[in-house]
Amino acid sequence: MLLIDFKSYGPDIWWELQSQLSPFRDKGYLTYFNGTDIMGRPITVVGTGDAPFEWLTANETYRDVFFDAPLAELVDDSLVWPNPNRAQDPS
């Protein structure tokens, strides 16, 4: 697991990261998402901090940098809350 902590947001950081990862990508070392499945490889790159989520997820058919976030921020809780199978607080 390789965590890349983005201390600031911006294109320069993103494109520099892509450049630095290129040799690992070329050798097939990076875990990637192929549009339907995650293909595990020796190195999984995870962007954290101010990582540009929309850039990490822009390519729907190939992605080799993943996103670190609290689980609560990644789920659409409108689908599960309020839970219709659970009694509602009458107050």
PDB file of N, CA and C in Angstrom:
ATOM      1  N   MET A   1       0.859  -1.165   0.000  1.00  0.00           N
ATOM      2  CA  MET A   1       0.000   0.000   0.000  1.00  0.00           C
ATOM      3  C   MET A   1       0.903   1.226   0.000  1.00  0.00           C
ATOM      4  N   LEU A   2       0.706   2.095  -0.961  1.00  0.00           N
ATOM      5  CA  LEU A   2       1.460   3.339  -1.066  1.00  0.00           C
ATOM      6  C   LEU A   2       0.476   4.488  -0.908  1.00  0.00           C
ATOM      7  N   LEU A   3       0.550   5.179   0.243  1.00  0.00           N
ATOM      8  CA  LEU A   3      -0.324   6.325   0.493  1.00  0.00           C
ATOM      9  C   LEU A   3       0.360   7.589  -0.007  1.00  0.00           C
ATOM     10  N   ILE A   4      -0.344   8.341  -0.825  1.00  0.00           N
ATOM     11  CA  ILE A   4       0.148   9.617  -1.325  1.00  0.00           C
ATOM     12  C   ILE A   4      -0.711  10.697  -0.677  1.00  0.00           C
ATOM     13  N   ASP A   5      -0.114  11.477   0.228  1.00  0.00           N
ATOM     14  CA  ASP A   5      -0.844  12.504   0.959  1.00  0.00           C
ATOM     15  C   ASP A   5      -0.759  13.826   0.202  1.00  0.00           C
ATOM     16  N   PHE A   6      -1.858  14.223  -0.404  1.00  0.00           N
ATOM     17  CA  PHE A   6      -1.935  15.497  -1.110  1.00  0.00           C
ATOM     18  C   PHE A   6      -2.082  16.601  -0.072  1.00  0.00           C
ATOM     19  N   LYS A   7      -1.067  17.424   0.089  1.00  0.00           N
ATOM     20  CA  LYS A   7      -1.114  18.523   1.054  1.00  0.00           C
ATOM     21  C   LYS A   7      -1.810  19.741   0.476  1.00  0.00           C
ATOM     22  N   SER A   8      -1.894  19.798  -0.838  1.00  0.00           N
ATOM     23  CA  SER A   8      -2.640  20.866  -1.491  1.00  0.00           C
ATOM     24  C   SER A   8      -3.310  20.270  -2.727  1.00  0.00           C
ATOM     25  N   TYR A   9      -4.259  20.986  -3.253  1.00  0.00           N
ATOM     26  CA  TYR A   9      -5.046  20.506  -4.390  1.00  0.00           C
ATOM     27  C   TYR A   9      -4.536  21.179  -5.654  1.00  0.00           C
ATOM     28  N   GLY A  10      -4.309  20.429  -6.685  1.00  0.00           N
ATOM     29  CA  GLY A  10      -3.911  21.082  -7.920  1.00  0.00           C
ATOM     30  C   GLY A  10      -3.421  20.147  -8.983  1.00  0.00           C
ATOM     31  N   PRO A  11      -3.481  20.606 -10.232  1.00  0.00           N
ATOM     32  CA  PRO A  11      -3.088  19.784 -11.371  1.00  0.00           C
ATOM     33  C   PRO A  11      -1.613  19.418 -11.376  1.00  0.00           C
ATOM     34  N   ASP A  12      -0.765  20.308 -10.878  1.00  0.00           N
ATOM     35  CA  ASP A  12       0.670  20.003 -10.902  1.00  0.00           C
ATOM     36  C   ASP A  12       0.991  18.750 -10.101  1.00  0.00           C
ATOM     37  N   ILE A  13       0.382  18.619  -8.942  1.00  0.00           N
ATOM     38  CA  ILE A  13       0.622  17.444  -8.100  1.00  0.00           C
ATOM     39  C   ILE A  13       0.115  16.188  -8.803  1.00  0.00           C
ATOM     40  N   TRP A  14      -1.097  16.259  -9.357  1.00  0.00           N
ATOM     41  CA  TRP A  14      -1.690  15.099 -10.011  1.00  0.00           C
ATOM     42  C   TRP A  14      -0.828  14.618 -11.172  1.00  0.00           C
ATOM     43  N   TRP A  15      -0.392  15.539 -12.027  1.00  0.00           N
ATOM     44  CA  TRP A  15       0.374  15.139 -13.203  1.00  0.00           C
ATOM     45  C   TRP A  15       1.777  14.677 -12.824  1.00  0.00           C
ATOM     46  N   GLU A  16       2.341  15.231 -11.771  1.00  0.00           N
ATOM     47  CA  GLU A  16       3.646  14.749 -11.293  1.00  0.00           C
ATOM     48  C   GLU A  16       3.502  13.328 -10.748  1.00  0.00           C
ATOM     49  N   LEU A  17       2.439  13.064 -10.014  1.00  0.00           N
ATOM     50  CA  LEU A  17       2.191  11.709  -9.505  1.00  0.00           C
ATOM     51  C   LEU A  17       2.062  10.735 -10.669  1.00  0.00           C
ATOM     52  N   GLN A  18       1.299  11.095 -11.686  1.00  0.00           N
ATOM     53  CA  GLN A  18       1.142  10.220 -12.846  1.00  0.00           C
ATOM     54  C   GLN A  18       2.480   9.920 -13.491  1.00  0.00           C
ATOM     55  N   SER A  19       3.320  10.926 -13.594  1.00  0.00           N
ATOM     56  CA  SER A  19       4.653  10.747 -14.180  1.00  0.00           C
ATOM     57  C   SER A  19       5.512   9.813 -13.331  1.00  0.00           C
ATOM     58  N   GLN A  20       5.485  10.002 -12.023  1.00  0.00           N
ATOM     59  CA  GLN A  20       6.295   9.180 -11.119  1.00  0.00           C
ATOM     60  C   GLN A  20       5.815   7.729 -11.077  1.00  0.00           C
ATOM     61  N   LEU A  21       4.532   7.513 -11.279  1.00  0.00           N
ATOM     62  CA  LEU A  21       3.984   6.147 -11.260  1.00  0.00           C
ATOM     63  C   LEU A  21       4.180   5.408 -12.583  1.00  0.00           C
ATOM     64  N   SER A  22       4.502   6.122 -13.617  1.00  0.00           N
ATOM     65  CA  SER A  22       4.598   5.539 -14.952  1.00  0.00           C
ATOM     66  C   SER A  22       5.476   4.291 -15.038  1.00  0.00           C
ATOM     67  N   PRO A  23       6.688   4.269 -14.450  1.00  0.00           N
ATOM     68  CA  PRO A  23       7.505   3.049 -14.540  1.00  0.00           C
ATOM     69  C   PRO A  23       6.845   1.835 -13.866  1.00  0.00           C
ATOM     70  N   PHE A  24       6.147   2.075 -12.767  1.00  0.00           N
ATOM     71  CA  PHE A  24       5.456   0.981 -12.074  1.00  0.00           C
ATOM     72  C   PHE A  24       4.252   0.506 -12.880  1.00  0.00           C
ATOM     73  N   ARG A  25       3.561   1.456 -13.498  1.00  0.00           N
ATOM     74  CA  ARG A  25       2.420   1.129 -14.357  1.00  0.00           C
ATOM     75  C   ARG A  25       2.896   0.306 -15.550  1.00  0.00           C
ATOM     76  N   ASP A  26       3.994   0.743 -16.176  1.00  0.00           N
ATOM     77  CA  ASP A  26       4.521   0.050 -17.360  1.00  0.00           C
ATOM     78  C   ASP A  26       4.939  -1.388 -17.057  1.00  0.00           C
ATOM     79  N   LYS A  27       5.392  -1.637 -15.840  1.00  0.00           N
ATOM     80  CA  LYS A  27       5.817  -2.990 -15.455  1.00  0.00           C
ATOM     81  C   LYS A  27       4.687  -3.835 -14.880  1.00  0.00           C
ATOM     82  N   GLY A  28       3.478  -3.267 -14.797  1.00  0.00           N
ATOM     83  CA  GLY A  28       2.327  -4.019 -14.311  1.00  0.00           C
ATOM     84  C   GLY A  28       2.307  -4.204 -12.806  1.00  0.00           C
ATOM     85  N   TYR A  29       2.951  -3.301 -12.065  1.00  0.00           N
ATOM     86  CA  TYR A  29       3.032  -3.427 -10.607  1.00  0.00           C
ATOM     87  C   TYR A  29       1.846  -2.819  -9.864  1.00  0.00           C
ATOM     88  N   LEU A  30       1.029  -2.005 -10.542  1.00  0.00           N
ATOM     89  CA  LEU A  30      -0.016  -1.257  -9.845  1.00  0.00           C
ATOM     90  C   LEU A  30      -1.363  -1.964  -9.879  1.00  0.00           C
ATOM     91  N   THR A  31      -1.991  -2.064  -8.707  1.00  0.00           N
ATOM     92  CA  THR A  31      -3.376  -2.511  -8.637  1.00  0.00           C
ATOM     93  C   THR A  31      -4.201  -1.516  -9.440  1.00  0.00           C
ATOM     94  N   TYR A  32      -5.189  -2.025 -10.182  1.00  0.00           N
ATOM     95  CA  TYR A  32      -6.005  -1.119 -10.979  1.00  0.00           C
ATOM     96  C   TYR A  32      -7.450  -1.588 -11.057  1.00  0.00           C
ATOM     97  N   PHE A  33      -8.312  -0.649 -11.387  1.00  0.00           N
ATOM     98  CA  PHE A  33      -9.728  -0.907 -11.622  1.00  0.00           C
ATOM     99  C   PHE A  33      -9.939  -0.863 -13.120  1.00  0.00           C
ATOM    100  N   ASN A  34     -10.528  -1.916 -13.694  1.00  0.00           N
ATOM    101  CA  ASN A  34     -10.670  -1.995 -15.151  1.00  0.00           C
ATOM    102  C   ASN A  34     -12.065  -1.613 -15.652  1.00  0.00           C
ATOM    103  N   GLY A  35     -12.853  -1.019 -14.781  1.00  0.00           N
ATOM    104  CA  GLY A  35     -14.205  -0.629 -15.151  1.00  0.00           C
ATOM    105  C   GLY A  35     -15.250  -1.510 -14.511  1.00  0.00           C
ATOM    106  N   THR A  36     -14.853  -2.742 -14.179  1.00  0.00           N
ATOM    107  CA  THR A  36     -15.788  -3.658 -13.512  1.00  0.00           C
ATOM    108  C   THR A  36     -15.156  -4.353 -12.310  1.00  0.00           C
ATOM    109  N   ASP A  37     -13.866  -4.604 -12.366  1.00  0.00           N
ATOM    110  CA  ASP A  37     -13.189  -5.350 -11.304  1.00  0.00           C
ATOM    111  C   ASP A  37     -11.898  -4.658 -10.877  1.00  0.00           C
ATOM    112  N   ILE A  38     -11.498  -4.950  -9.648  1.00  0.00           N
ATOM    113  CA  ILE A  38     -10.198  -4.484  -9.171  1.00  0.00           C
ATOM    114  C   ILE A  38      -9.202  -5.608  -9.403  1.00  0.00           C
ATOM    115  N   MET A  39      -8.149  -5.294 -10.121  1.00  0.00           N
ATOM    116  CA  MET A  39      -7.119  -6.266 -10.440  1.00  0.00           C
ATOM    117  C   MET A  39      -5.944  -6.032  -9.487  1.00  0.00           C
ATOM    118  N   GLY A  40      -5.779  -6.930  -8.529  1.00  0.00           N
ATOM    119  CA  GLY A  40      -4.744  -6.785  -7.514  1.00  0.00           C
ATOM    120  C   GLY A  40      -3.349  -6.993  -8.069  1.00  0.00           C
ATOM    121  N   ARG A  41      -2.447  -6.116  -7.699  1.00  0.00           N
ATOM    122  CA  ARG A  41      -1.037  -6.191  -8.076  1.00  0.00           C
ATOM    123  C   ARG A  41      -0.214  -5.876  -6.828  1.00  0.00           C
ATOM    124  N   PRO A  42       1.104  -5.944  -6.890  1.00  0.00           N
ATOM    125  CA  PRO A  42       1.931  -5.748  -5.692  1.00  0.00           C
ATOM    126  C   PRO A  42       1.796  -4.377  -5.027  1.00  0.00           C
ATOM    127  N   ILE A  43       1.487  -3.332  -5.801  1.00  0.00           N
ATOM    128  CA  ILE A  43       1.413  -1.983  -5.224  1.00  0.00           C
ATOM    129  C   ILE A  43       0.010  -1.415  -5.434  1.00  0.00           C
ATOM    130  N   THR A  44      -0.623  -1.010  -4.342  1.00  0.00           N
ATOM    131  CA  THR A  44      -1.905  -0.315  -4.414  1.00  0.00           C
ATOM    132  C   THR A  44      -1.665   1.117  -3.988  1.00  0.00           C
ATOM    133  N   VAL A  45      -1.930   2.062  -4.887  1.00  0.00           N
ATOM    134  CA  VAL A  45      -1.702   3.482  -4.632  1.00  0.00           C
ATOM    135  C   VAL A  45      -3.013   4.102  -4.156  1.00  0.00           C
ATOM    136  N   VAL A  46      -2.939   4.806  -3.027  1.00  0.00           N
ATOM    137  CA  VAL A  46      -4.118   5.446  -2.449  1.00  0.00           C
ATOM    138  C   VAL A  46      -3.815   6.918  -2.225  1.00  0.00           C
ATOM    139  N   GLY A  47      -4.640   7.784  -2.808  1.00  0.00           N
ATOM    140  CA  GLY A  47      -4.520   9.221  -2.589  1.00  0.00           C
ATOM    141  C   GLY A  47      -5.297   9.609  -1.353  1.00  0.00           C
ATOM    142  N   THR A  48      -4.699  10.438  -0.518  1.00  0.00           N
ATOM    143  CA  THR A  48      -5.346  10.882   0.708  1.00  0.00           C
ATOM    144  C   THR A  48      -5.158  12.390   0.844  1.00  0.00           C
ATOM    145  N   GLY A  49      -5.741  12.971   1.869  1.00  0.00           N
ATOM    146  CA  GLY A  49      -5.632  14.413   2.072  1.00  0.00           C
ATOM    147  C   GLY A  49      -6.489  15.160   1.071  1.00  0.00           C
ATOM    148  N   ASP A  50      -5.882  16.094   0.337  1.00  0.00           N
ATOM    149  CA  ASP A  50      -6.599  16.900  -0.649  1.00  0.00           C
ATOM    150  C   ASP A  50      -6.543  16.277  -2.042  1.00  0.00           C
ATOM    151  N   ALA A  51      -6.518  14.954  -2.115  1.00  0.00           N
ATOM    152  CA  ALA A  51      -6.493  14.274  -3.415  1.00  0.00           C
ATOM    153  C   ALA A  51      -7.730  14.668  -4.218  1.00  0.00           C
ATOM    154  N   PRO A  52      -7.571  14.949  -5.502  1.00  0.00           N
ATOM    155  CA  PRO A  52      -8.698  15.391  -6.333  1.00  0.00           C
ATOM    156  C   PRO A  52      -9.597  14.212  -6.723  1.00  0.00           C
ATOM    157  N   PHE A  53     -10.629  13.978  -5.926  1.00  0.00           N
ATOM    158  CA  PHE A  53     -11.520  12.829  -6.121  1.00  0.00           C
ATOM    159  C   PHE A  53     -12.017  12.734  -7.562  1.00  0.00           C
ATOM    160  N   GLU A  54     -12.424  13.857  -8.143  1.00  0.00           N
ATOM    161  CA  GLU A  54     -12.984  13.813  -9.499  1.00  0.00           C
ATOM    162  C   GLU A  54     -11.936  13.414 -10.534  1.00  0.00           C
ATOM    163  N   TRP A  55     -10.660  13.660 -10.273  1.00  0.00           N
ATOM    164  CA  TRP A  55      -9.605  13.234 -11.192  1.00  0.00           C
ATOM    165  C   TRP A  55      -9.284  11.763 -10.982  1.00  0.00           C
ATOM    166  N   LEU A  56      -9.319  11.313  -9.723  1.00  0.00           N
ATOM    167  CA  LEU A  56      -9.057   9.905  -9.437  1.00  0.00           C
ATOM    168  C   LEU A  56     -10.107   9.017 -10.087  1.00  0.00           C
ATOM    169  N   THR A  57     -11.326   9.501 -10.173  1.00  0.00           N
ATOM    170  CA  THR A  57     -12.425   8.683 -10.680  1.00  0.00           C
ATOM    171  C   THR A  57     -12.850   9.051 -12.102  1.00  0.00           C
ATOM    172  N   ALA A  58     -12.128   9.958 -12.752  1.00  0.00           N
ATOM    173  CA  ALA A  58     -12.528  10.442 -14.082  1.00  0.00           C
ATOM    174  C   ALA A  58     -12.534   9.342 -15.140  1.00  0.00           C
ATOM    175  N   ASN A  59     -11.569   8.448 -15.109  1.00  0.00           N
ATOM    176  CA  ASN A  59     -11.493   7.385 -16.103  1.00  0.00           C
ATOM    177  C   ASN A  59     -12.315   6.193 -15.610  1.00  0.00           C
ATOM    178  N   GLU A  60     -13.389   5.894 -16.291  1.00  0.00           N
ATOM    179  CA  GLU A  60     -14.294   4.831 -15.852  1.00  0.00           C
ATOM    180  C   GLU A  60     -13.844   3.440 -16.266  1.00  0.00           C
ATOM    181  N   THR A  61     -12.831   3.336 -17.145  1.00  0.00           N
ATOM    182  CA  THR A  61     -12.402   2.019 -17.620  1.00  0.00           C
ATOM    183  C   THR A  61     -11.002   1.636 -17.148  1.00  0.00           C
ATOM    184  N   TYR A  62     -10.239   2.583 -16.582  1.00  0.00           N
ATOM    185  CA  TYR A  62      -8.928   2.242 -16.030  1.00  0.00           C
ATOM    186  C   TYR A  62      -8.581   3.267 -14.956  1.00  0.00           C
ATOM    187  N   ARG A  63      -8.207   2.746 -13.793  1.00  0.00           N
ATOM    188  CA  ARG A  63      -7.838   3.628 -12.684  1.00  0.00           C
ATOM    189  C   ARG A  63      -6.846   2.876 -11.812  1.00  0.00           C
ATOM    190  N   ASP A  64      -5.691   3.504 -11.526  1.00  0.00           N
ATOM    191  CA  ASP A  64      -4.709   2.832 -10.670  1.00  0.00           C
ATOM    192  C   ASP A  64      -4.311   3.660  -9.450  1.00  0.00           C
ATOM    193  N   VAL A  65      -5.044   4.735  -9.188  1.00  0.00           N
ATOM    194  CA  VAL A  65      -4.900   5.482  -7.942  1.00  0.00           C
ATOM    195  C   VAL A  65      -6.278   5.483  -7.292  1.00  0.00           C
ATOM    196  N   PHE A  66      -6.341   5.028  -6.065  1.00  0.00           N
ATOM    197  CA  PHE A  66      -7.600   4.914  -5.349  1.00  0.00           C
ATOM    198  C   PHE A  66      -7.723   6.049  -4.339  1.00  0.00           C
ATOM    199  N   PHE A  67      -8.868   6.177  -3.710  1.00  0.00           N
ATOM    200  CA  PHE A  67      -9.173   7.313  -2.845  1.00  0.00           C
ATOM    201  C   PHE A  67      -9.368   6.855  -1.411  1.00  0.00           C
ATOM    202  N   ASP A  68      -8.769   7.606  -0.493  1.00  0.00           N
ATOM    203  CA  ASP A  68      -8.918   7.346   0.934  1.00  0.00           C
ATOM    204  C   ASP A  68      -9.895   8.366   1.501  1.00  0.00           C
ATOM    205  N   ALA A  69     -10.940   7.875   2.129  1.00  0.00           N
ATOM    206  CA  ALA A  69     -11.924   8.769   2.740  1.00  0.00           C
ATOM    207  C   ALA A  69     -12.663   8.019   3.834  1.00  0.00           C
ATOM    208  N   PRO A  70     -13.251   8.748   4.768  1.00  0.00           N
ATOM    209  CA  PRO A  70     -14.098   8.081   5.753  1.00  0.00           C
ATOM    210  C   PRO A  70     -15.252   7.368   5.043  1.00  0.00           C
ATOM    211  N   LEU A  71     -15.575   6.186   5.484  1.00  0.00           N
ATOM    212  CA  LEU A  71     -16.629   5.410   4.821  1.00  0.00           C
ATOM    213  C   LEU A  71     -17.945   6.169   4.751  1.00  0.00           C
ATOM    214  N   ALA A  72     -18.243   6.947   5.776  1.00  0.00           N
ATOM    215  CA  ALA A  72     -19.494   7.705   5.786  1.00  0.00           C
ATOM    216  C   ALA A  72     -19.581   8.681   4.620  1.00  0.00           C
ATOM    217  N   GLU A  73     -18.454   9.147   4.123  1.00  0.00           N
ATOM    218  CA  GLU A  73     -18.456  10.080   2.996  1.00  0.00           C
ATOM    219  C   GLU A  73     -18.575   9.372   1.652  1.00  0.00           C
ATOM    220  N   LEU A  74     -18.368   8.077   1.626  1.00  0.00           N
ATOM    221  CA  LEU A  74     -18.414   7.332   0.373  1.00  0.00           C
ATOM    222  C   LEU A  74     -19.746   6.645   0.121  1.00  0.00           C
ATOM    223  N   VAL A  75     -20.615   6.637   1.100  1.00  0.00           N
ATOM    224  CA  VAL A  75     -21.892   5.947   0.953  1.00  0.00           C
ATOM    225  C   VAL A  75     -23.011   6.960   0.756  1.00  0.00           C
ATOM    226  N   ASP A  76     -23.954   6.617  -0.074  1.00  0.00           N
ATOM    227  CA  ASP A  76     -25.154   7.432  -0.246  1.00  0.00           C
ATOM    228  C   ASP A  76     -26.155   6.933   0.777  1.00  0.00           C
ATOM    229  N   ASP A  77     -26.149   7.556   1.960  1.00  0.00           N
ATOM    230  CA  ASP A  77     -26.999   7.049   3.032  1.00  0.00           C
ATOM    231  C   ASP A  77     -28.471   7.372   2.826  1.00  0.00           C
ATOM    232  N   SER A  78     -28.813   8.108   1.770  1.00  0.00           N
ATOM    233  CA  SER A  78     -30.227   8.331   1.496  1.00  0.00           C
ATOM    234  C   SER A  78     -30.913   7.022   1.124  1.00  0.00           C
ATOM    235  N   LEU A  79     -30.107   6.039   0.713  1.00  0.00           N
ATOM    236  CA  LEU A  79     -30.669   4.736   0.356  1.00  0.00           C
ATOM    237  C   LEU A  79     -30.924   3.856   1.569  1.00  0.00           C
ATOM    238  N   VAL A  80     -30.304   4.187   2.706  1.00  0.00           N
ATOM    239  CA  VAL A  80     -30.430   3.324   3.880  1.00  0.00           C
ATOM    240  C   VAL A  80     -30.958   4.043   5.111  1.00  0.00           C
ATOM    241  N   TRP A  81     -31.087   5.357   5.049  1.00  0.00           N
ATOM    242  CA  TRP A  81     -31.544   6.081   6.245  1.00  0.00           C
ATOM    243  C   TRP A  81     -32.643   7.037   5.860  1.00  0.00           C
ATOM    244  N   PRO A  82     -33.769   7.067   6.471  1.00  0.00           N
ATOM    245  CA  PRO A  82     -34.113   6.167   7.560  1.00  0.00           C
ATOM    246  C   PRO A  82     -34.441   4.782   7.038  1.00  0.00           C
ATOM    247  N   ASN A  83     -34.113   3.809   7.844  1.00  0.00           N
ATOM    248  CA  ASN A  83     -34.355   2.419   7.495  1.00  0.00           C
ATOM    249  C   ASN A  83     -35.848   2.115   7.683  1.00  0.00           C
ATOM    250  N   PRO A  84     -36.558   1.745   6.617  1.00  0.00           N
ATOM    251  CA  PRO A  84     -37.994   1.490   6.747  1.00  0.00           C
ATOM    252  C   PRO A  84     -38.315   0.288   7.612  1.00  0.00           C
ATOM    253  N   ASN A  85     -37.344  -0.575   7.857  1.00  0.00           N
ATOM    254  CA  ASN A  85     -37.569  -1.757   8.696  1.00  0.00           C
ATOM    255  C   ASN A  85     -37.328  -1.493  10.176  1.00  0.00           C
ATOM    256  N   ARG A  86     -36.930  -0.287  10.505  1.00  0.00           N
ATOM    257  CA  ARG A  86     -36.624   0.052  11.884  1.00  0.00           C
ATOM    258  C   ARG A  86     -37.666   1.006  12.417  1.00  0.00           C
ATOM    259  N   ALA A  87     -38.083   0.797  13.644  1.00  0.00           N
ATOM    260  CA  ALA A  87     -39.098   1.670  14.255  1.00  0.00           C
ATOM    261  C   ALA A  87     -38.538   3.093  14.337  1.00  0.00           C
ATOM    262  N   GLN A  88     -39.366   4.061  13.985  1.00  0.00           N
ATOM    263  CA  GLN A  88     -38.974   5.459  14.034  1.00  0.00           C
ATOM    264  C   GLN A  88     -39.210   6.023  15.424  1.00  0.00           C
ATOM    265  N   ASP A  89     -38.342   6.949  15.816  1.00  0.00           N
ATOM    266  CA  ASP A  89     -38.470   7.629  17.105  1.00  0.00           C
ATOM    267  C   ASP A  89     -39.707   8.520  17.039  1.00  0.00           C
ATOM    268  N   PRO A  90     -40.694   8.312  17.922  1.00  0.00           N
ATOM    269  CA  PRO A  90     -41.952   9.081  17.835  1.00  0.00           C
ATOM    270  C   PRO A  90     -41.796  10.543  18.244  1.00  0.00           C
ATOM    271  N   SER A  91     -40.669  10.957  18.822  1.00  0.00           N
ATOM    272  CA  SER A  91     -40.546  12.337  19.303  1.00  0.00           C
ATOM    273  C   SER A  91     -40.276  13.326  18.233  1.00  0.00           C
TER     274      SER A  91
END
